[in-house]
C-alpha atoms as a PDB file:
ATOM      1  CA  UNK A   1      -7.299  -9.786  -8.660  1.00  0.00           C
ATOM      2  CA  UNK A   2      -7.479  -9.863  -4.940  1.00  0.00           C
ATOM      3  CA  UNK A   3      -4.704  -8.393  -2.692  1.00  0.00           C
ATOM      4  CA  UNK A   4      -3.712  -8.225   0.792  1.00  0.00           C
ATOM      5  CA  UNK A   5      -2.842  -4.850   2.172  1.00  0.00           C
ATOM      6  CA  UNK A   6      -1.423  -4.384   5.492  1.00  0.00           C
ATOM      7  CA  UNK A   7      -1.191  -0.510   6.926  1.00  0.00           C
ATOM      8  CA  UNK A   8       1.554  -0.122   9.533  1.00  0.00           C
ATOM      9  CA  UNK A   9       2.130   3.080  11.902  1.00  0.00           C
ATOM     10  CA  UNK A  10       0.687   5.706  11.477  1.00  0.00           C
ATOM     11  CA  UNK A  11      -0.091   4.913   7.230  1.00  0.00           C
ATOM     12  CA  UNK A  12      -2.295   2.126   9.795  1.00  0.00           C
ATOM     13  CA  UNK A  13      -3.980   5.120  11.805  1.00  0.00           C
ATOM     14  CA  UNK A  14      -4.895   6.731   8.556  1.00  0.00           C
ATOM     15  CA  UNK A  15      -6.807   4.104   6.658  1.00  0.00           C
ATOM     16  CA  UNK A  16      -7.961   2.418  10.090  1.00  0.00           C
ATOM     17  CA  UNK A  17      -7.003  -0.328  10.429  1.00  0.00           C
ATOM     18  CA  UNK A  18      -3.876  -2.608  10.468  1.00  0.00           C
ATOM     19  CA  UNK A  19      -4.828  -4.856   6.533  1.00  0.00           C
ATOM     20  CA  UNK A  20      -7.569  -5.713   4.644  1.00  0.00           C
ATOM     21  CA  UNK A  21      -8.719  -8.007   1.295  1.00  0.00           C
ATOM     22  CA  UNK A  22      -8.645  -5.482  -1.852  1.00  0.00           C
ATOM     23  CA  UNK A  23     -10.600  -5.976  -5.328  1.00  0.00           C
ATOM     24  CA  UNK A  24      -8.348  -4.675  -7.872  1.00  0.00           C
ATOM     25  CA  UNK A  25      -9.052  -3.845 -11.309  1.00  0.00           C
ATOM     26  CA  UNK A  26      -5.246  -1.957 -12.074  1.00  0.00           C
ATOM     27  CA  UNK A  27      -1.844  -3.172 -12.876  1.00  0.00           C
ATOM     28  CA  UNK A  28       0.802  -1.470 -10.734  1.00  0.00           C
ATOM     29  CA  UNK A  29       1.759   0.035  -7.537  1.00  0.00           C
ATOM     30  CA  UNK A  30       0.617   3.548  -8.951  1.00  0.00           C
ATOM     31  CA  UNK A  31      -2.711   2.572  -9.486  1.00  0.00           C
ATOM     32  CA  UNK A  32      -2.843   0.519  -6.165  1.00  0.00           C
ATOM     33  CA  UNK A  33      -1.981   4.286  -4.868  1.00  0.00           C
ATOM     34  CA  UNK A  34      -4.186   5.848  -6.672  1.00  0.00           C
ATOM     35  CA  UNK A  35      -7.160   4.024  -5.735  1.00  0.00           C
ATOM     36  CA  UNK A  36      -5.132   4.516  -2.134  1.00  0.00           C
ATOM     37  CA  UNK A  37      -5.551   8.387  -1.967  1.00  0.00           C
ATOM     38  CA  UNK A  38      -8.973   8.657  -3.526  1.00  0.00           C
ATOM     39  CA  UNK A  39     -10.351   6.545  -0.349  1.00  0.00           C
ATOM     40  CA  UNK A  40      -7.997   8.261   2.417  1.00  0.00           C
ATOM     41  CA  UNK A  41      -7.358  11.638   1.989  1.00  0.00           C
ATOM     42  CA  UNK A  42      -5.164  11.637   4.528  1.00  0.00           C
ATOM     43  CA  UNK A  43      -2.829   9.285   2.470  1.00  0.00           C
ATOM     44  CA  UNK A  44      -1.955  12.322  -0.428  1.00  0.00           C
ATOM     45  CA  UNK A  45       0.018  14.708   3.035  1.00  0.00           C
ATOM     46  CA  UNK A  46       2.013  11.111   3.772  1.00  0.00           C
ATOM     47  CA  UNK A  47       5.276  10.087   3.357  1.00  0.00           C
ATOM     48  CA  UNK A  48       5.498   5.927   2.332  1.00  0.00           C
ATOM     49  CA  UNK A  49       6.913   3.017   0.597  1.00  0.00           C
ATOM     50  CA  UNK A  50       5.788   0.100  -0.918  1.00  0.00           C
ATOM     51  CA  UNK A  51       6.548  -3.420  -0.335  1.00  0.00           C
ATOM     52  CA  UNK A  52       5.275  -6.561  -2.214  1.00  0.00           C
ATOM     53  CA  UNK A  53       5.711  -9.917  -0.573  1.00  0.00           C
ATOM     54  CA  UNK A  54       8.119  -8.647   0.929  1.00  0.00           C
ATOM     55  CA  UNK A  55      10.387  -6.568  -0.533  1.00  0.00           C
ATOM     56  CA  UNK A  56       9.787  -2.540  -1.576  1.00  0.00           C
ATOM     57  CA  UNK A  57       9.614  -1.815  -5.058  1.00  0.00           C
ATOM     58  CA  UNK A  58       8.964   1.049  -7.883  1.00  0.00           C
ATOM     59  CA  UNK A  59       5.653   2.327  -8.696  1.00  0.00           C
ATOM     60  CA  UNK A  60       5.686   0.425 -11.555  1.00  0.00           C
ATOM     61  CA  UNK A  61       5.636  -2.609 -10.557  1.00  0.00           C
ATOM     62  CA  UNK A  62       3.642  -4.841 -11.451  1.00  0.00           C
ATOM     63  CA  UNK A  63       0.838  -6.908  -9.065  1.00  0.00           C
ATOM     64  CA  UNK A  64      -0.659 -10.026 -10.004  1.00  0.00           C
ATOM     65  CA  UNK A  65      -3.367 -11.956  -7.582  1.00  0.00           C
ATOM     66  CA  UNK A  66      -2.152 -12.518  -4.001  1.00  0.00           C
ATOM     67  CA  UNK A  67      -0.231 -10.278  -3.773  1.00  0.00           C
ATOM     68  CA  UNK A  68       0.963  -9.130  -0.164  1.00  0.00           C
ATOM     69  CA  UNK A  69       0.857  -4.821  -0.290  1.00  0.00           C
ATOM     70  CA  UNK A  70       2.118  -3.181   3.155  1.00  0.00           C
ATOM     71  CA  UNK A  71       2.193   0.341   3.131  1.00  0.00           C
ATOM     72  CA  UNK A  72       5.426   1.737   4.771  1.00  0.00           C
ATOM     73  CA  UNK A  73       6.514   4.486   6.751  1.00  0.00           C
ATOM     74  CA  UNK A  74       9.986   5.797   7.097  1.00  0.00           C
ATOM     75  CA  UNK A  75      11.850   4.866   9.712  1.00  0.00           C
ATOM     76  CA  UNK A  76      14.669   4.945  11.403  1.00  0.00           C
ATOM     77  CA  UNK A  77      17.374   1.433  11.546  1.00  0.00           C
ATOM     78  CA  UNK A  78      20.141   1.324  13.596  1.00  0.00           C
END
């Protein structure tokens, strides 16, 4: 399946880009997280959350073709 990945803040800096398309063979956010951490070791020491199609999700979230995945660093609100 093809996923559209979007990176923000320090995550984008660590990965070196703000977005990319990924041909992904896994099934869940956890599977994706494992792949991303194996490709970019810096992610292992960072805190971030995942959003799928603009909704925050847990690691057991199932993914489908053309999902938009955002990696969101910690942020403060007001």
